[in-house]
Every structure is written in C-alpha cells, then in structure tokens.
Amino acid sequence: MENTEWSGSRRAGRLPAWLALAGLGLALAGCVTDTEFLAQNSSAALRAAEARGGFELDCGGVQSRVLSQKVVQGVQGGYGWRGAGAWAGPWTEYTVGVSGCGKRAVYMVVCRDESACNAFSQTARVID
C-alpha cells in the first residue's frame, strides 16, 4: 500500500494540482484589459468633470461627454540620491467636454480608480 501522507513520502514538497490552479486563477482575477479599466472609471471621470464644470461655469445643470480616453502606464519618479522614487500607474485619462447655461469647457480627468479622479483645466478658459 502506498504512503499518501505529504511528509516523509515522495510527494513531500509538491503542491496538489488543484491548489496550483486555484492560485493561478486568483492571480489572473485581478487583471483587466485597457477597455475594461476605461469603462470602470468613465462614470467617475464624468462626475469629476461635471463637479468642476458646474462650479467654473456657475451652472447647476451641466452635461458632459468623453471626447477621448486612454490608459497611461506607470512611471517611476527619479528623486533621491539613487533615483529611487515613487511608482505611479497605471491610470486612466479622459478628455471631457462639459456644457451648460450657454457655456462650455474642456477638462482632462485622471483616475486611479473609481474613487480617485481629478479634473484639470487644460486652458483655464471658459467659452461663452
């Protein structure tokens, strides 16, 4: 009769196949495509642009739409005596047009995830 205990047998040190497959499945579960990443953050990006646009345009009823979008891969900052800096990315970047009360503005919105989006004015100009 074969010894099936893990310690003291020829199986010692090996992972069962189901455990290895489960680990692989968990590792891949966190991966999303660029299209999925953009879709996940687009609603939050529009909300961020509408909040900024509503304030700058002095208008409560603004509308927004995505003009362009892309995923920006990570970059490493180069400060410090060895150039070891902080790692940032990937993140989503949207160009969003906002209009309301007869005015328009364009913002660049950067999102790390759905809870962390910032809208920036590229021209600091409101079109009347």
Protein backbone atom coordinates (compact mmCIF):
# COMPACT_ATOMS: atom_id res chain seq x y z
CA MET A 1 0.00 0.00 0.00
CA GLU A 2 1.34 3.43 -0.99
CA ASN A 3 2.00 6.07 1.64
CA THR A 4 -0.14 9.11 0.77
CA GLU A 5 0.98 11.38 3.60
CA TRP A 6 2.64 14.61 2.48
CA SER A 7 5.61 14.42 4.82
CA GLY A 8 8.03 11.56 4.54
CA SER A 9 6.83 10.39 1.14
CA ARG A 10 7.92 11.01 -2.42
CA ARG A 11 5.17 13.65 -2.63
CA ALA A 12 6.77 15.87 0.02
CA GLY A 13 7.33 19.43 -1.19
CA ARG A 14 4.84 19.25 -4.09
CA LEU A 15 1.62 21.21 -4.27
CA PRO A 16 -1.52 19.45 -5.33
CA ALA A 17 -2.58 20.40 -8.87
CA TRP A 18 -5.90 21.88 -7.70
CA LEU A 19 -4.08 24.23 -5.31
CA ALA A 20 -1.72 25.44 -8.03
CA LEU A 21 -4.66 26.05 -10.40
CA ALA A 22 -6.57 27.91 -7.69
CA GLY A 23 -3.57 30.17 -7.11
CA LEU A 24 -3.24 30.86 -10.82
CA GLY A 25 -6.95 31.70 -11.03
CA LEU A 26 -6.66 34.17 -8.16
CA ALA A 27 -3.63 35.83 -9.71
CA LEU A 28 -5.39 36.30 -13.05
CA ALA A 29 -8.64 37.54 -11.46
CA GLY A 30 -7.08 40.94 -10.76
CA CYS A 31 -6.13 41.53 -14.40
CA VAL A 32 -8.36 43.70 -16.58
CA THR A 33 -7.98 44.87 -20.14
CA ASP A 34 -7.49 48.54 -21.01
CA THR A 35 -11.07 48.66 -22.34
CA GLU A 36 -12.44 47.28 -19.05
CA PHE A 37 -10.26 49.67 -17.00
CA LEU A 38 -11.53 52.65 -19.02
CA ALA A 39 -15.14 51.51 -18.66
CA GLN A 40 -14.77 51.06 -14.88
CA ASN A 41 -13.59 54.64 -14.38
CA SER A 42 -15.59 56.53 -17.01
CA SER A 43 -18.64 57.31 -14.81
CA ALA A 44 -16.43 58.65 -12.04
CA ALA A 45 -14.46 60.71 -14.58
CA LEU A 46 -17.66 62.29 -15.89
CA ARG A 47 -18.80 63.09 -12.33
CA ALA A 48 -15.46 64.75 -11.54
CA ALA A 49 -15.61 66.87 -14.71
CA GLU A 50 -19.26 67.82 -14.04
CA ALA A 51 -18.44 68.88 -10.48
CA ARG A 52 -15.59 71.11 -11.63
CA GLY A 53 -17.50 72.36 -14.67
CA GLY A 54 -20.61 73.16 -12.65
CA PHE A 55 -18.51 75.33 -10.33
CA GLU A 56 -16.45 77.07 -13.02
CA LEU A 57 -19.40 77.63 -15.35
CA ASP A 58 -21.58 78.71 -12.41
CA CYS A 59 -24.25 76.34 -13.68
CA GLY A 60 -26.17 73.65 -11.81
CA GLY A 61 -27.34 71.71 -14.86
CA VAL A 62 -24.23 70.73 -16.79
CA GLN A 63 -23.85 67.86 -19.23
CA SER A 64 -20.64 66.06 -20.08
CA ARG A 65 -19.26 63.62 -22.60
CA VAL A 66 -15.96 61.84 -23.10
CA LEU A 67 -14.05 63.26 -26.06
CA SER A 68 -11.07 60.91 -25.81
CA GLN A 69 -9.68 58.34 -23.39
CA LYS A 70 -6.58 56.27 -22.81
CA VAL A 71 -4.75 54.17 -20.24
CA VAL A 72 -1.42 55.58 -19.11
CA GLN A 73 1.10 53.01 -17.93
CA GLY A 74 3.15 53.54 -14.80
CA VAL A 75 6.14 55.80 -14.44
CA GLN A 76 8.74 55.96 -11.73
CA GLY A 77 9.82 59.27 -10.23
CA GLY A 78 13.56 59.86 -10.12
CA TYR A 79 14.23 61.78 -6.93
CA GLY A 80 16.69 60.79 -4.23
CA TRP A 81 20.39 60.03 -4.35
CA ARG A 82 19.84 56.72 -6.13
CA GLY A 83 16.90 57.83 -8.24
CA ALA A 84 14.56 55.61 -6.25
CA GLY A 85 11.20 57.30 -6.41
CA ALA A 86 7.55 56.50 -6.08
CA TRP A 87 5.81 54.26 -8.60
CA ALA A 88 2.64 55.66 -10.17
CA GLY A 89 0.28 54.00 -12.58
CA PRO A 90 -1.41 52.69 -14.45
CA TRP A 91 -4.27 55.18 -14.53
CA THR A 92 -7.00 56.24 -16.90
CA GLU A 93 -7.01 59.64 -18.59
CA TYR A 94 -10.06 61.22 -20.21
CA THR A 95 -10.63 64.45 -22.11
CA VAL A 96 -14.15 65.51 -21.14
CA GLY A 97 -16.29 68.27 -22.61
CA VAL A 98 -18.72 69.96 -20.20
CA SER A 99 -21.52 72.30 -21.25
CA GLY A 100 -24.35 74.15 -19.55
CA CYS A 101 -26.01 77.56 -19.24
CA GLY A 102 -24.72 78.54 -22.68
CA LYS A 103 -21.05 77.90 -21.76
CA ARG A 104 -18.55 75.13 -22.49
CA ALA A 105 -15.26 73.92 -21.03
CA VAL A 106 -12.86 71.04 -21.59
CA TYR A 107 -11.13 69.12 -18.78
CA MET A 108 -8.55 66.41 -18.53
CA VAL A 109 -9.62 63.87 -15.90
CA VAL A 110 -7.18 61.39 -14.39
CA CYS A 111 -8.44 58.38 -12.37
CA ARG A 112 -6.51 55.78 -10.39
CA ASP A 113 -9.81 54.00 -9.68
CA GLU A 114 -13.49 54.89 -9.31
CA SER A 115 -12.91 56.66 -6.00
CA ALA A 116 -9.87 58.73 -7.04
CA CYS A 117 -10.49 61.03 -10.02
CA ASN A 118 -9.26 64.60 -10.52
CA ALA A 119 -10.37 67.05 -13.22
CA PHE A 120 -7.82 69.54 -14.52
CA SER A 121 -8.41 72.55 -16.73
CA GLN A 122 -6.06 72.49 -19.70
CA THR A 123 -6.66 76.06 -20.82
CA ALA A 124 -8.24 77.76 -17.79
CA ARG A 125 -10.65 79.28 -20.29
CA VAL A 126 -14.43 79.14 -20.32
CA ILE A 127 -16.06 79.51 -23.73
CA ASP A 128 -19.15 81.78 -23.60
